[in-house]
Amino acid sequence: MTTPYESIFSCWRFFLATKENNKQIFEVIDYWTAQGGAAKDLIEATDGFHPSQLANALGAMFTWDHMLSVHPDWFGPENPNNALIDELFGDQGGH
């Protein structure tokens, strides 16, 4: 049985399918559902047509991976002091 929420998602996916520049959302959907997640988790529950925080985080992950693989020159060389920084400050949880 399809819920109304899933029906909305189907319409959203159909709309995006017509946009050549929105391929990334399909990568995110496929990735999340392959991990066992529900596609509806990727839609903001309060308004139905905006991506959720989860979708934004996964989209950022795919964007970063794409940029590193296609345009690594945009970021320049790795900081040669990374090992020293890790030694001095350790893992601060991303802060």
N, C-alpha and C. Protein backbone atom coordinates (compact mmCIF):
# COMPACT_ATOMS: atom_id res chain seq x y z
N MET A 1 0.85 -1.19 0.00
CA MET A 1 0.00 0.00 0.00
C MET A 1 0.89 1.25 0.00
N THR A 2 0.57 2.15 -0.87
CA THR A 2 1.32 3.40 -0.98
C THR A 2 0.67 4.45 -0.09
N THR A 3 1.47 5.08 0.75
CA THR A 3 0.94 6.15 1.60
C THR A 3 0.89 7.45 0.80
N PRO A 4 0.10 8.41 1.26
CA PRO A 4 0.09 9.72 0.59
C PRO A 4 1.48 10.34 0.53
N TYR A 5 2.25 10.12 1.59
CA TYR A 5 3.61 10.66 1.63
C TYR A 5 4.45 10.09 0.49
N GLU A 6 4.33 8.78 0.27
CA GLU A 6 5.08 8.15 -0.83
C GLU A 6 4.57 8.62 -2.18
N SER A 7 3.28 8.90 -2.27
CA SER A 7 2.73 9.42 -3.53
C SER A 7 3.31 10.79 -3.84
N ILE A 8 3.42 11.63 -2.81
CA ILE A 8 4.03 12.95 -3.00
C ILE A 8 5.46 12.79 -3.47
N PHE A 9 6.18 11.85 -2.84
CA PHE A 9 7.57 11.62 -3.21
C PHE A 9 7.66 11.18 -4.67
N SER A 10 6.73 10.31 -5.11
CA SER A 10 6.73 9.85 -6.50
C SER A 10 6.55 11.02 -7.46
N CYS A 11 5.66 11.94 -7.11
CA CYS A 11 5.45 13.12 -7.96
C CYS A 11 6.70 13.98 -7.99
N TRP A 12 7.34 14.14 -6.84
CA TRP A 12 8.56 14.93 -6.75
C TRP A 12 9.65 14.31 -7.59
N ARG A 13 9.80 12.97 -7.50
CA ARG A 13 10.82 12.28 -8.28
C ARG A 13 10.53 12.42 -9.77
N PHE A 14 9.26 12.32 -10.17
CA PHE A 14 8.90 12.48 -11.57
C PHE A 14 9.26 13.88 -12.05
N PHE A 15 8.96 14.89 -11.24
CA PHE A 15 9.29 16.26 -11.60
C PHE A 15 10.79 16.43 -11.79
N LEU A 16 11.57 15.90 -10.86
CA LEU A 16 13.01 16.04 -10.95
C LEU A 16 13.59 15.26 -12.13
N ALA A 17 12.91 14.18 -12.52
CA ALA A 17 13.40 13.37 -13.63
C ALA A 17 13.45 14.18 -14.92
N THR A 18 12.65 15.22 -15.00
CA THR A 18 12.64 16.04 -16.21
C THR A 18 13.77 17.06 -16.21
N LYS A 19 14.48 17.16 -15.11
CA LYS A 19 15.56 18.13 -14.99
C LYS A 19 16.91 17.42 -15.11
N GLU A 20 17.61 17.66 -16.17
CA GLU A 20 18.90 17.00 -16.42
C GLU A 20 19.91 17.29 -15.32
N ASN A 21 19.84 18.48 -14.74
CA ASN A 21 20.84 18.87 -13.75
C ASN A 21 20.51 18.40 -12.33
N ASN A 22 19.51 17.56 -12.16
CA ASN A 22 19.15 17.07 -10.83
C ASN A 22 19.44 15.58 -10.66
N LYS A 23 20.43 15.07 -11.37
CA LYS A 23 20.77 13.65 -11.26
C LYS A 23 21.21 13.27 -9.86
N GLN A 24 21.80 14.20 -9.15
CA GLN A 24 22.36 13.89 -7.83
C GLN A 24 21.28 13.38 -6.87
N ILE A 25 20.07 13.91 -6.94
CA ILE A 25 19.04 13.46 -6.01
C ILE A 25 18.76 11.98 -6.21
N PHE A 26 18.88 11.49 -7.44
CA PHE A 26 18.65 10.07 -7.67
C PHE A 26 19.77 9.22 -7.10
N GLU A 27 20.99 9.74 -7.13
CA GLU A 27 22.10 9.04 -6.49
C GLU A 27 21.87 8.96 -4.99
N VAL A 28 21.40 10.05 -4.41
CA VAL A 28 21.12 10.08 -2.97
C VAL A 28 20.00 9.11 -2.63
N ILE A 29 18.92 9.12 -3.41
CA ILE A 29 17.79 8.22 -3.18
C ILE A 29 18.25 6.77 -3.27
N ASP A 30 18.98 6.44 -4.32
CA ASP A 30 19.44 5.06 -4.51
C ASP A 30 20.37 4.64 -3.37
N TYR A 31 21.27 5.53 -2.97
CA TYR A 31 22.20 5.22 -1.88
C TYR A 31 21.44 4.97 -0.59
N TRP A 32 20.52 5.88 -0.24
CA TRP A 32 19.81 5.77 1.02
C TRP A 32 18.92 4.52 1.07
N THR A 33 18.22 4.24 0.00
CA THR A 33 17.35 3.07 0.01
C THR A 33 18.17 1.78 0.00
N ALA A 34 19.35 1.77 -0.62
CA ALA A 34 20.22 0.59 -0.59
C ALA A 34 20.74 0.33 0.83
N GLN A 35 20.81 1.40 1.66
CA GLN A 35 21.24 1.26 3.05
C GLN A 35 20.08 0.81 3.94
N GLY A 36 18.91 0.63 3.35
CA GLY A 36 17.73 0.21 4.11
C GLY A 36 16.84 1.35 4.55
N GLY A 37 17.18 2.57 4.16
CA GLY A 37 16.36 3.72 4.53
C GLY A 37 15.14 3.84 3.63
N ALA A 38 14.18 4.60 4.08
CA ALA A 38 12.98 4.87 3.30
C ALA A 38 13.17 6.17 2.52
N ALA A 39 12.77 6.16 1.27
CA ALA A 39 12.92 7.35 0.44
C ALA A 39 12.21 8.55 1.05
N LYS A 40 11.12 8.32 1.76
CA LYS A 40 10.38 9.44 2.35
C LYS A 40 11.19 10.16 3.43
N ASP A 41 12.23 9.53 3.97
CA ASP A 41 13.10 10.18 4.95
C ASP A 41 13.85 11.36 4.35
N LEU A 42 13.92 11.42 3.04
CA LEU A 42 14.69 12.45 2.36
C LEU A 42 13.88 13.71 2.08
N ILE A 43 12.60 13.68 2.44
CA ILE A 43 11.73 14.85 2.23
C ILE A 43 11.42 15.46 3.59
N GLU A 44 11.49 16.77 3.68
CA GLU A 44 11.16 17.47 4.91
C GLU A 44 9.70 17.20 5.26
N ALA A 45 9.47 16.71 6.44
CA ALA A 45 8.12 16.29 6.85
C ALA A 45 7.14 17.45 6.95
N THR A 46 7.60 18.66 7.18
CA THR A 46 6.68 19.76 7.40
C THR A 46 6.14 20.39 6.13
N ASP A 47 6.82 20.23 5.01
CA ASP A 47 6.29 20.85 3.79
C ASP A 47 6.33 19.96 2.56
N GLY A 48 6.99 18.85 2.62
CA GLY A 48 6.90 17.85 1.57
C GLY A 48 7.65 18.08 0.28
N PHE A 49 8.16 19.26 0.02
CA PHE A 49 8.87 19.46 -1.24
C PHE A 49 10.27 20.01 -1.08
N HIS A 50 10.75 20.04 0.15
CA HIS A 50 12.12 20.44 0.40
C HIS A 50 12.89 19.23 0.93
N PRO A 51 14.18 19.16 0.64
CA PRO A 51 14.96 18.04 1.16
C PRO A 51 15.11 18.14 2.68
N SER A 52 15.15 17.00 3.34
CA SER A 52 15.35 16.96 4.78
C SER A 52 16.82 17.21 5.10
N GLN A 53 17.13 17.33 6.39
CA GLN A 53 18.53 17.49 6.79
C GLN A 53 19.34 16.29 6.33
N LEU A 54 18.76 15.12 6.41
CA LEU A 54 19.44 13.91 5.95
C LEU A 54 19.76 14.01 4.46
N ALA A 55 18.78 14.42 3.67
CA ALA A 55 19.01 14.55 2.22
C ALA A 55 20.10 15.58 1.93
N ASN A 56 20.10 16.68 2.68
CA ASN A 56 21.13 17.69 2.49
C ASN A 56 22.51 17.15 2.85
N ALA A 57 22.60 16.39 3.94
CA ALA A 57 23.89 15.82 4.35
C ALA A 57 24.39 14.82 3.32
N LEU A 58 23.50 13.96 2.84
CA LEU A 58 23.90 12.99 1.82
C LEU A 58 24.26 13.69 0.51
N GLY A 59 23.51 14.72 0.17
CA GLY A 59 23.82 15.50 -1.04
C GLY A 59 25.19 16.14 -0.95
N ALA A 60 25.54 16.65 0.24
CA ALA A 60 26.86 17.24 0.44
C ALA A 60 27.95 16.18 0.29
N MET A 61 27.69 14.99 0.82
CA MET A 61 28.66 13.90 0.70
C MET A 61 28.90 13.55 -0.77
N PHE A 62 27.82 13.44 -1.55
CA PHE A 62 27.96 13.12 -2.97
C PHE A 62 28.64 14.26 -3.73
N THR A 63 28.30 15.50 -3.39
CA THR A 63 28.92 16.65 -4.05
C THR A 63 30.42 16.67 -3.77
N TRP A 64 30.81 16.47 -2.51
CA TRP A 64 32.22 16.47 -2.13
C TRP A 64 32.97 15.37 -2.87
N ASP A 65 32.42 14.16 -2.86
CA ASP A 65 33.07 13.04 -3.55
C ASP A 65 33.22 13.32 -5.04
N HIS A 66 32.19 13.90 -5.63
CA HIS A 66 32.23 14.22 -7.07
C HIS A 66 33.32 15.26 -7.35
N MET A 67 33.35 16.30 -6.52
CA MET A 67 34.33 17.35 -6.74
C MET A 67 35.75 16.82 -6.57
N LEU A 68 35.96 15.97 -5.58
CA LEU A 68 37.30 15.40 -5.38
C LEU A 68 37.72 14.49 -6.53
N SER A 69 36.76 13.78 -7.12
CA SER A 69 37.11 12.86 -8.20
C SER A 69 37.22 13.55 -9.56
N VAL A 70 36.42 14.58 -9.78
CA VAL A 70 36.39 15.24 -11.08
C VAL A 70 37.28 16.49 -11.12
N HIS A 71 37.37 17.20 -10.01
CA HIS A 71 38.11 18.46 -9.98
C HIS A 71 39.05 18.54 -8.77
N PRO A 72 39.94 17.59 -8.58
CA PRO A 72 40.82 17.65 -7.41
C PRO A 72 41.72 18.89 -7.41
N ASP A 73 41.97 19.43 -8.59
CA ASP A 73 42.82 20.61 -8.70
C ASP A 73 42.19 21.85 -8.05
N TRP A 74 40.90 21.84 -7.83
CA TRP A 74 40.23 22.97 -7.21
C TRP A 74 40.65 23.15 -5.76
N PHE A 75 41.16 22.10 -5.14
CA PHE A 75 41.44 22.13 -3.71
C PHE A 75 42.92 22.30 -3.39
N GLY A 76 43.77 22.17 -4.36
CA GLY A 76 45.20 22.32 -4.11
C GLY A 76 45.76 21.10 -3.39
N PRO A 77 47.05 21.16 -3.07
CA PRO A 77 47.69 20.01 -2.44
C PRO A 77 47.24 19.85 -0.98
N GLU A 78 47.40 18.64 -0.48
CA GLU A 78 47.08 18.36 0.92
C GLU A 78 48.08 19.09 1.82
N ASN A 79 47.62 19.55 2.94
CA ASN A 79 48.46 20.27 3.89
C ASN A 79 49.56 19.32 4.40
N PRO A 80 50.83 19.63 4.19
CA PRO A 80 51.91 18.75 4.64
C PRO A 80 52.02 18.68 6.17
N ASN A 81 51.33 19.56 6.87
CA ASN A 81 51.38 19.57 8.34
C ASN A 81 50.24 18.80 8.99
N ASN A 82 49.44 18.07 8.22
CA ASN A 82 48.29 17.36 8.78
C ASN A 82 48.69 16.38 9.89
N ALA A 83 49.78 15.65 9.72
CA ALA A 83 50.22 14.68 10.74
C ALA A 83 50.58 15.41 12.03
N LEU A 84 51.27 16.52 11.92
CA LEU A 84 51.64 17.30 13.11
C LEU A 84 50.39 17.87 13.79
N ILE A 85 49.46 18.35 13.00
CA ILE A 85 48.21 18.89 13.55
C ILE A 85 47.47 17.80 14.32
N ASP A 86 47.38 16.60 13.73
CA ASP A 86 46.73 15.48 14.42
C ASP A 86 47.45 15.13 15.71
N GLU A 87 48.77 15.16 15.67
CA GLU A 87 49.55 14.84 16.86
C GLU A 87 49.33 15.87 17.97
N LEU A 88 49.30 17.14 17.61
CA LEU A 88 49.14 18.20 18.60
C LEU A 88 47.72 18.31 19.15
N PHE A 89 46.74 18.15 18.28
CA PHE A 89 45.34 18.43 18.68
C PHE A 89 44.46 17.19 18.76
N GLY A 90 44.89 16.09 18.15
CA GLY A 90 44.08 14.87 18.17
C GLY A 90 42.76 15.05 17.45
N ASP A 91 41.87 14.11 17.71
CA ASP A 91 40.54 14.15 17.11
C ASP A 91 39.61 14.96 18.01
N GLN A 92 39.21 16.12 17.54
CA GLN A 92 38.33 16.99 18.32
C GLN A 92 36.89 16.89 17.84
N GLY A 93 36.57 15.81 17.15
CA GLY A 93 35.21 15.61 16.72
C GLY A 93 34.75 16.57 15.64
N GLY A 94 35.67 17.03 14.81
CA GLY A 94 35.31 17.92 13.72
C GLY A 94 35.32 19.39 14.09
N HIS A 95 35.76 19.71 15.28
CA HIS A 95 35.76 21.11 15.73
C HIS A 95 37.17 21.66 15.73
